[in-house]
PDB file of N, CA and C in Angstrom:
ATOM      1  N   MET A   1      15.610  64.609-107.886  1.00  0.00           N
ATOM      2  CA  MET A   1      16.669  64.523-107.792  1.00  0.00           C
ATOM      3  C   MET A   1      17.362  65.691-106.972  1.00  0.00           C
ATOM      4  N   ILE A   2      18.225  65.585-106.536  1.00  0.00           N
ATOM      5  CA  ILE A   2      19.312  66.354-105.412  1.00  0.00           C
ATOM      6  C   ILE A   2      20.642  66.555-106.403  1.00  0.00           C
ATOM      7  N   THR A   3      20.764  68.124-106.154  1.00  0.00           N
ATOM      8  CA  THR A   3      21.834  68.898-107.061  1.00  0.00           C
ATOM      9  C   THR A   3      22.715  69.757-105.171  1.00  0.00           C
ATOM     10  N   CYS A   4      23.592  69.056-105.439  1.00  0.00           N
ATOM     11  CA  CYS A   4      24.556  69.332-104.800  1.00  0.00           C
ATOM     12  C   CYS A   4      25.604  70.877-105.200  1.00  0.00           C
ATOM     13  N   ARG A   5      25.942  71.424-104.601  1.00  0.00           N
ATOM     14  CA  ARG A   5      27.234  72.460-104.916  1.00  0.00           C
ATOM     15  C   ARG A   5      28.260  71.478-105.054  1.00  0.00           C
ATOM     16  N   VAL A   6      29.911  71.705-105.820  1.00  0.00           N
ATOM     17  CA  VAL A   6      30.972  70.510-105.246  1.00  0.00           C
ATOM     18  C   VAL A   6      32.061  71.657-104.946  1.00  0.00           C
ATOM     19  N   PHE A   7      32.721  71.532-103.774  1.00  0.00           N
ATOM     20  CA  PHE A   7      33.561  72.243-103.594  1.00  0.00           C
ATOM     21  C   PHE A   7      35.134  71.163-103.696  1.00  0.00           C
ATOM     22  N   ILE A   8      36.057  72.236-104.370  1.00  0.00           N
ATOM     23  CA  ILE A   8      37.275  71.291-104.764  1.00  0.00           C
ATOM     24  C   ILE A   8      38.272  72.060-104.202  1.00  0.00           C
ATOM     25  N   ALA A   9      38.897  71.037-103.446  1.00  0.00           N
ATOM     26  CA  ALA A   9      40.366  71.446-102.638  1.00  0.00           C
ATOM     27  C   ALA A   9      41.194  72.331-103.622  1.00  0.00           C
ATOM     28  N   ALA A  10      42.288  73.369-103.133  1.00  0.00           N
ATOM     29  CA  ALA A  10      42.943  73.527-104.728  1.00  0.00           C
ATOM     30  C   ALA A  10      44.045  72.939-105.076  1.00  0.00           C
ATOM     31  N   GLU A  11      44.258  71.893-104.232  1.00  0.00           N
ATOM     32  CA  GLU A  11      45.292  71.122-104.711  1.00  0.00           C
ATOM     33  C   GLU A  11      44.875  70.220-105.650  1.00  0.00           C
ATOM     34  N   VAL A  12      43.587  70.124-105.827  1.00  0.00           N
ATOM     35  CA  VAL A  12      43.078  69.220-106.563  1.00  0.00           C
ATOM     36  C   VAL A  12      42.804  69.635-108.284  1.00  0.00           C
ATOM     37  N   ILE A  13      42.778  71.131-107.814  1.00  0.00           N
ATOM     38  CA  ILE A  13      42.628  72.239-109.450  1.00  0.00           C
ATOM     39  C   ILE A  13      44.206  72.067-110.064  1.00  0.00           C
ATOM     40  N   THR A  14      45.334  72.062-108.678  1.00  0.00           N
ATOM     41  CA  THR A  14      46.509  72.030-109.288  1.00  0.00           C
ATOM     42  C   THR A  14      46.741  70.441-110.510  1.00  0.00           C
ATOM     43  N   THR A  15      46.188  69.600-109.667  1.00  0.00           N
ATOM     44  CA  THR A  15      46.799  68.579-109.920  1.00  0.00           C
ATOM     45  C   THR A  15      45.848  68.430-111.515  1.00  0.00           C
ATOM     46  N   LEU A  16      44.526  68.452-111.823  1.00  0.00           N
ATOM     47  CA  LEU A  16      43.415  68.480-112.615  1.00  0.00           C
ATOM     48  C   LEU A  16      44.217  68.901-113.366  1.00  0.00           C
ATOM     49  N   ARG A  17      44.908  70.290-113.438  1.00  0.00           N
ATOM     50  CA  ARG A  17      45.262  71.290-114.517  1.00  0.00           C
ATOM     51  C   ARG A  17      46.565  70.502-115.669  1.00  0.00           C
ATOM     52  N   ALA A  18      47.471  69.980-114.723  1.00  0.00           N
ATOM     53  CA  ALA A  18      48.492  69.248-115.005  1.00  0.00           C
ATOM     54  C   ALA A  18      47.915  67.671-115.840  1.00  0.00           C
ATOM     55  N   CYS A  19      46.414  67.467-115.667  1.00  0.00           N
ATOM     56  CA  CYS A  19      46.310  66.251-117.048  1.00  0.00           C
ATOM     57  C   CYS A  19      45.858  66.676-117.968  1.00  0.00           C
ATOM     58  N   PRO A  20      45.996  65.961-118.770  1.00  0.00           N
ATOM     59  CA  PRO A  20      45.523  65.924-120.384  1.00  0.00           C
ATOM     60  C   PRO A  20      44.191  66.346-120.165  1.00  0.00           C
ATOM     61  N   SER A  21      43.792  66.816-121.392  1.00  0.00           N
ATOM     62  CA  SER A  21      42.631  67.890-121.695  1.00  0.00           C
ATOM     63  C   SER A  21      41.920  66.541-121.708  1.00  0.00           C
ATOM     64  N   ARG A  22      41.797  65.528-122.122  1.00  0.00           N
ATOM     65  CA  ARG A  22      40.576  64.433-122.463  1.00  0.00           C
ATOM     66  C   ARG A  22      40.350  63.839-120.610  1.00  0.00           C
ATOM     67  N   GLU A  23      41.957  63.920-119.929  1.00  0.00           N
ATOM     68  CA  GLU A  23      41.271  63.440-118.996  1.00  0.00           C
ATOM     69  C   GLU A  23      40.591  64.635-117.972  1.00  0.00           C
ATOM     70  N   GLN A  24      40.854  65.668-118.298  1.00  0.00           N
ATOM     71  CA  GLN A  24      40.154  66.853-117.524  1.00  0.00           C
ATOM     72  C   GLN A  24      38.954  66.867-117.917  1.00  0.00           C
ATOM     73  N   GLN A  25      39.145  66.677-119.048  1.00  0.00           N
ATOM     74  CA  GLN A  25      36.618  66.481-119.363  1.00  0.00           C
ATOM     75  C   GLN A  25      36.264  65.468-118.757  1.00  0.00           C
ATOM     76  N   ILE A  26      36.669  64.189-118.255  1.00  0.00           N
ATOM     77  CA  ILE A  26      36.484  63.235-117.738  1.00  0.00           C
ATOM     78  C   ILE A  26      36.010  63.195-116.171  1.00  0.00           C
ATOM     79  N   ILE A  27      37.408  63.623-115.726  1.00  0.00           N
ATOM     80  CA  ILE A  27      36.961  64.132-114.451  1.00  0.00           C
ATOM     81  C   ILE A  27      36.113  64.800-114.053  1.00  0.00           C
ATOM     82  N   THR A  28      36.018  66.249-114.794  1.00  0.00           N
ATOM     83  CA  THR A  28      35.218  67.305-114.863  1.00  0.00           C
ATOM     84  C   THR A  28      33.584  66.824-114.903  1.00  0.00           C
ATOM     85  N   ARG A  29      33.758  65.955-115.722  1.00  0.00           N
ATOM     86  CA  ARG A  29      32.244  65.238-115.938  1.00  0.00           C
ATOM     87  C   ARG A  29      31.830  64.445-114.497  1.00  0.00           C
ATOM     88  N   LEU A  30      32.855  63.690-114.092  1.00  0.00           N
ATOM     89  CA  LEU A  30      32.545  62.805-113.075  1.00  0.00           C
ATOM     90  C   LEU A  30      32.326  63.815-111.681  1.00  0.00           C
ATOM     91  N   PHE A  31      33.050  65.210-111.521  1.00  0.00           N
ATOM     92  CA  PHE A  31      32.768  66.296-110.365  1.00  0.00           C
ATOM     93  C   PHE A  31      30.796  66.459-110.756  1.00  0.00           C
ATOM     94  N   GLU A  32      30.676  66.711-112.060  1.00  0.00           N
ATOM     95  CA  GLU A  32      29.275  67.487-112.268  1.00  0.00           C
ATOM     96  C   GLU A  32      27.950  66.460-111.791  1.00  0.00           C
ATOM     97  N   GLU A  33      28.888  64.879-112.389  1.00  0.00           N
ATOM     98  CA  GLU A  33      27.847  63.307-111.602  1.00  0.00           C
ATOM     99  C   GLU A  33      27.577  63.526-109.944  1.00  0.00           C
ATOM    100  N   LEU A  34      28.240  63.913-109.349  1.00  0.00           N
ATOM    101  CA  LEU A  34      28.884  64.001-108.422  1.00  0.00           C
ATOM    102  C   LEU A  34      27.988  64.994-107.480  1.00  0.00           C
ATOM    103  N   ALA A  35      27.874  65.815-108.107  1.00  0.00           N
ATOM    104  CA  ALA A  35      26.708  67.012-107.346  1.00  0.00           C
ATOM    105  C   ALA A  35      25.277  66.484-107.996  1.00  0.00           C
ATOM    106  N   LYS A  36      24.981  65.816-108.847  1.00  0.00           N
ATOM    107  CA  LYS A  36      23.551  65.746-109.152  1.00  0.00           C
ATOM    108  C   LYS A  36      22.944  63.968-108.130  1.00  0.00           C
ATOM    109  N   ASP A  37      24.121  63.531-107.874  1.00  0.00           N
ATOM    110  CA  ASP A  37      24.163  61.997-107.324  1.00  0.00           C
ATOM    111  C   ASP A  37      25.255  62.243-106.395  1.00  0.00           C
ATOM    112  N   PRO A  38      25.192  62.835-104.975  1.00  0.00           N
ATOM    113  CA  PRO A  38      25.786  63.041-104.057  1.00  0.00           C
ATOM    114  C   PRO A  38      26.395  61.870-102.752  1.00  0.00           C
ATOM    115  N   TYR A  39      25.024  60.669-103.246  1.00  0.00           N
ATOM    116  CA  TYR A  39      24.892  59.133-102.654  1.00  0.00           C
ATOM    117  C   TYR A  39      26.033  58.365-103.543  1.00  0.00           C
ATOM    118  N   ARG A  40      26.265  58.620-104.548  1.00  0.00           N
ATOM    119  CA  ARG A  40      26.865  57.944-105.440  1.00  0.00           C
ATOM    120  C   ARG A  40      28.109  57.150-104.106  1.00  0.00           C
ATOM    121  N   ALA A  41      28.462  55.804-104.004  1.00  0.00           N
ATOM    122  CA  ALA A  41      29.470  55.082-103.590  1.00  0.00           C
ATOM    123  C   ALA A  41      30.463  55.490-104.625  1.00  0.00           C
ATOM    124  N   GLY A  42      31.998  55.367-103.821  1.00  0.00           N
ATOM    125  CA  GLY A  42      32.991  55.180-104.653  1.00  0.00           C
ATOM    126  C   GLY A  42      33.306  53.778-105.017  1.00  0.00           C
ATOM    127  N   ASP A  43      34.656  53.179-105.362  1.00  0.00           N
ATOM    128  CA  ASP A  43      34.527  51.889-105.745  1.00  0.00           C
ATOM    129  C   ASP A  43      35.371  51.313-104.318  1.00  0.00           C
ATOM    130  N   TYR A  44      35.739  51.990-103.597  1.00  0.00           N
ATOM    131  CA  TYR A  44      35.819  51.806-102.385  1.00  0.00           C
ATOM    132  C   TYR A  44      36.103  52.941-101.012  1.00  0.00           C
ATOM    133  N   SER A  45      36.166  53.105 -99.759  1.00  0.00           N
ATOM    134  CA  SER A  45      36.147  53.948 -98.657  1.00  0.00           C
ATOM    135  C   SER A  45      37.187  53.885 -98.120  1.00  0.00           C
ATOM    136  N   GLU A  46      37.685  54.969 -97.813  1.00  0.00           N
ATOM    137  CA  GLU A  46      38.998  54.435 -96.606  1.00  0.00           C
ATOM    138  C   GLU A  46      38.630  56.250 -95.897  1.00  0.00           C
ATOM    139  N   ARG A  47      39.267  56.106 -94.518  1.00  0.00           N
ATOM    140  CA  ARG A  47      39.034  57.442 -93.147  1.00  0.00           C
ATOM    141  C   ARG A  47      39.999  58.304 -93.302  1.00  0.00           C
ATOM    142  N   ASP A  48      39.507  59.561 -93.388  1.00  0.00           N
ATOM    143  CA  ASP A  48      40.611  60.715 -93.413  1.00  0.00           C
ATOM    144  C   ASP A  48      41.394  60.904 -91.959  1.00  0.00           C
ATOM    145  N   ALA A  49      42.034  61.524 -91.741  1.00  0.00           N
ATOM    146  CA  ALA A  49      42.188  62.469 -90.278  1.00  0.00           C
ATOM    147  C   ALA A  49      41.551  62.152 -89.372  1.00  0.00           C
ATOM    148  N   ILE A  50      40.158  62.910 -89.368  1.00  0.00           N
ATOM    149  CA  ILE A  50      39.395  62.764 -88.084  1.00  0.00           C
ATOM    150  C   ILE A  50      38.568  61.316 -88.500  1.00  0.00           C
ATOM    151  N   GLY A  51      38.371  60.663 -89.085  1.00  0.00           N
ATOM    152  CA  GLY A  51      37.802  59.443 -88.849  1.00  0.00           C
ATOM    153  C   GLY A  51      36.768  59.597 -89.813  1.00  0.00           C
ATOM    154  N   ARG A  52      36.672  61.040 -90.583  1.00  0.00           N
ATOM    155  CA  ARG A  52      35.178  60.699 -91.515  1.00  0.00           C
ATOM    156  C   ARG A  52      35.534  59.498 -92.784  1.00  0.00           C
ATOM    157  N   PRO A  53      34.599  59.115 -92.840  1.00  0.00           N
ATOM    158  CA  PRO A  53      34.700  58.121 -94.429  1.00  0.00           C
ATOM    159  C   PRO A  53      34.922  58.847 -95.761  1.00  0.00           C
ATOM    160  N   VAL A  54      35.954  58.528 -96.404  1.00  0.00           N
ATOM    161  CA  VAL A  54      35.990  59.574 -97.852  1.00  0.00           C
ATOM    162  C   VAL A  54      36.088  58.536 -98.604  1.00  0.00           C
ATOM    163  N   GLN A  55      35.361  58.337 -99.894  1.00  0.00           N
ATOM    164  CA  GLN A  55      34.555  57.868-101.287  1.00  0.00           C
ATOM    165  C   GLN A  55      35.914  57.909-102.003  1.00  0.00           C
ATOM    166  N   VAL A  56      35.930  56.866-102.708  1.00  0.00           N
ATOM    167  CA  VAL A  56      37.405  56.755-103.336  1.00  0.00           C
ATOM    168  C   VAL A  56      36.236  56.338-104.666  1.00  0.00           C
ATOM    169  N   LEU A  57      36.474  57.533-106.276  1.00  0.00           N
ATOM    170  CA  LEU A  57      35.656  56.583-107.265  1.00  0.00           C
ATOM    171  C   LEU A  57      37.199  56.461-108.330  1.00  0.00           C
ATOM    172  N   ILE A  58      37.468  55.211-108.568  1.00  0.00           N
ATOM    173  CA  ILE A  58      38.572  55.388-109.663  1.00  0.00           C
ATOM    174  C   ILE A  58      38.026  55.486-111.038  1.00  0.00           C
ATOM    175  N   THR A  59      38.941  56.421-111.531  1.00  0.00           N
ATOM    176  CA  THR A  59      38.800  56.846-113.260  1.00  0.00           C
ATOM    177  C   THR A  59      39.843  56.876-113.750  1.00  0.00           C
ATOM    178  N   GLY A  60      40.073  56.002-114.623  1.00  0.00           N
ATOM    179  CA  GLY A  60      41.471  55.665-115.949  1.00  0.00           C
ATOM    180  C   GLY A  60      42.010  55.226-114.768  1.00  0.00           C
ATOM    181  N   SER A  61      43.000  56.165-114.641  1.00  0.00           N
ATOM    182  CA  SER A  61      44.612  55.657-113.400  1.00  0.00           C
ATOM    183  C   SER A  61      44.683  56.782-112.738  1.00  0.00           C
ATOM    184  N   ARG A  62      43.614  57.603-112.309  1.00  0.00           N
ATOM    185  CA  ARG A  62      43.213  58.681-111.291  1.00  0.00           C
ATOM    186  C   ARG A  62      41.954  58.271-110.325  1.00  0.00           C
ATOM    187  N   ALA A  63      42.753  58.397-108.921  1.00  0.00           N
ATOM    188  CA  ALA A  63      40.970  58.278-107.993  1.00  0.00           C
ATOM    189  C   ALA A  63      41.048  59.745-107.467  1.00  0.00           C
ATOM    190  N   ILE A  64      39.491  59.790-107.496  1.00  0.00           N
ATOM    191  CA  ILE A  64      38.622  61.140-106.833  1.00  0.00           C
ATOM    192  C   ILE A  64      38.240  60.802-105.589  1.00  0.00           C
ATOM    193  N   CYS A  65      38.884  61.844-104.248  1.00  0.00           N
ATOM    194  CA  CYS A  65      38.578  61.268-103.185  1.00  0.00           C
ATOM    195  C   CYS A  65      37.377  62.275-102.773  1.00  0.00           C
ATOM    196  N   PHE A  66      36.505  61.983-102.163  1.00  0.00           N
ATOM    197  CA  PHE A  66      35.225  63.061-102.037  1.00  0.00           C
ATOM    198  C   PHE A  66      34.549  62.674-100.727  1.00  0.00           C
ATOM    199  N   TRP A  67      33.728  63.354-100.273  1.00  0.00           N
ATOM    200  CA  TRP A  67      32.935  62.746 -99.514  1.00  0.00           C
ATOM    201  C   TRP A  67      31.519  64.326 -99.547  1.00  0.00           C
ATOM    202  N   ALA A  68      30.351  63.834 -99.049  1.00  0.00           N
ATOM    203  CA  ALA A  68      29.202  64.469 -99.234  1.00  0.00           C
ATOM    204  C   ALA A  68      28.585  64.788 -97.725  1.00  0.00           C
ATOM    205  N   ASP A  69      28.534  66.280 -97.929  1.00  0.00           N
ATOM    206  CA  ASP A  69      28.219  66.987 -96.508  1.00  0.00           C
ATOM    207  C   ASP A  69      26.461  67.366 -96.759  1.00  0.00           C
ATOM    208  N   HIS A  70      25.766  66.417 -96.516  1.00  0.00           N
ATOM    209  CA  HIS A  70      24.237  66.235 -97.012  1.00  0.00           C
ATOM    210  C   HIS A  70      23.736  67.216 -96.004  1.00  0.00           C
ATOM    211  N   ALA A  71      24.098  67.713 -94.979  1.00  0.00           N
ATOM    212  CA  ALA A  71      23.282  68.566 -94.328  1.00  0.00           C
ATOM    213  C   ALA A  71      23.271  70.215 -94.627  1.00  0.00           C
ATOM    214  N   VAL A  72      24.188  70.223 -95.303  1.00  0.00           N
ATOM    215  CA  VAL A  72      24.550  71.497 -96.271  1.00  0.00           C
ATOM    216  C   VAL A  72      24.079  71.540 -97.855  1.00  0.00           C
ATOM    217  N   LYS A  73      24.211  69.731 -98.096  1.00  0.00           N
ATOM    218  CA  LYS A  73      24.211  69.790 -99.467  1.00  0.00           C
ATOM    219  C   LYS A  73      25.460  70.448-100.922  1.00  0.00           C
ATOM    220  N   GLU A  74      26.423  69.234 -99.932  1.00  0.00           N
ATOM    221  CA  GLU A  74      27.612  69.912-100.918  1.00  0.00           C
ATOM    222  C   GLU A  74      28.199  68.865-100.608  1.00  0.00           C
ATOM    223  N   VAL A  75      29.376  68.215-101.777  1.00  0.00           N
ATOM    224  CA  VAL A  75      30.034  67.648-101.929  1.00  0.00           C
ATOM    225  C   VAL A  75      31.425  67.942-102.300  1.00  0.00           C
ATOM    226  N   LYS A  76      32.373  67.620-101.141  1.00  0.00           N
ATOM    227  CA  LYS A  76      33.998  68.047-100.978  1.00  0.00           C
ATOM    228  C   LYS A  76      34.799  67.551-101.872  1.00  0.00           C
ATOM    229  N   ILE A  77      35.167  67.424-102.975  1.00  0.00           N
ATOM    230  CA  ILE A  77      36.577  66.791-103.471  1.00  0.00           C
ATOM    231  C   ILE A  77      37.777  67.367-103.213  1.00  0.00           C
ATOM    232  N   VAL A  78      38.596  66.037-101.903  1.00  0.00           N
ATOM    233  CA  VAL A  78      39.823  66.462-101.057  1.00  0.00           C
ATOM    234  C   VAL A  78      40.926  65.841-101.779  1.00  0.00           C
ATOM    235  N   ASP A  79      40.859  65.013-102.951  1.00  0.00           N
ATOM    236  CA  ASP A  79      41.936  64.687-103.211  1.00  0.00           C
ATOM    237  C   ASP A  79      41.730  63.961-104.889  1.00  0.00           C
ATOM    238  N   LEU A  80      42.793  64.616-105.909  1.00  0.00           N
ATOM    239  CA  LEU A  80      42.897  63.573-107.234  1.00  0.00           C
ATOM    240  C   LEU A  80      44.326  62.967-107.274  1.00  0.00           C
ATOM    241  N   ARG A  81      44.329  61.650-107.275  1.00  0.00           N
ATOM    242  CA  ARG A  81      45.617  61.364-107.004  1.00  0.00           C
ATOM    243  C   ARG A  81      46.005  60.332-108.000  1.00  0.00           C
ATOM    244  N   PRO A  82      47.083  59.119-108.395  1.00  0.00           N
ATOM    245  CA  PRO A  82      47.160  58.287-109.439  1.00  0.00           C
ATOM    246  C   PRO A  82      46.451  57.042-108.287  1.00  0.00           C
ATOM    247  N   ALA A  83      45.993  56.352-109.429  1.00  0.00           N
ATOM    248  CA  ALA A  83      44.565  55.142-108.493  1.00  0.00           C
ATOM    249  C   ALA A  83      45.511  54.282-108.154  1.00  0.00           C
ATOM    250  N   GLY A  84      47.017  53.933-108.241  1.00  0.00           N
ATOM    251  CA  GLY A  84      47.799  53.119-107.596  1.00  0.00           C
ATOM    252  C   GLY A  84      48.196  53.380-105.982  1.00  0.00           C
ATOM    253  N   ARG A  85      47.410  54.472-105.223  1.00  0.00           N
ATOM    254  CA  ARG A  85      47.979  54.871-104.139  1.00  0.00           C
ATOM    255  C   ARG A  85      47.486  54.460-103.205  1.00  0.00           C
TER     256      ARG A  85
END
């Protein structure tokens, strides 16, 4: 099993801190799962500003946006937003 480092954008941390405690726990657990399984696909994908595919994983009312940099064994969490956006 590959374990990656997880990097979380500052804006994601700010959004996460504003979530209810239970939701924070669920999201944090998903971050840990992504570190253990960086090949996990999201519920769908979209492209970022430079055309890179970003996975979007829906959990409850939130969407976690991430991409895996397999060359350096890192998962980048780039957005945490309402799931309907």
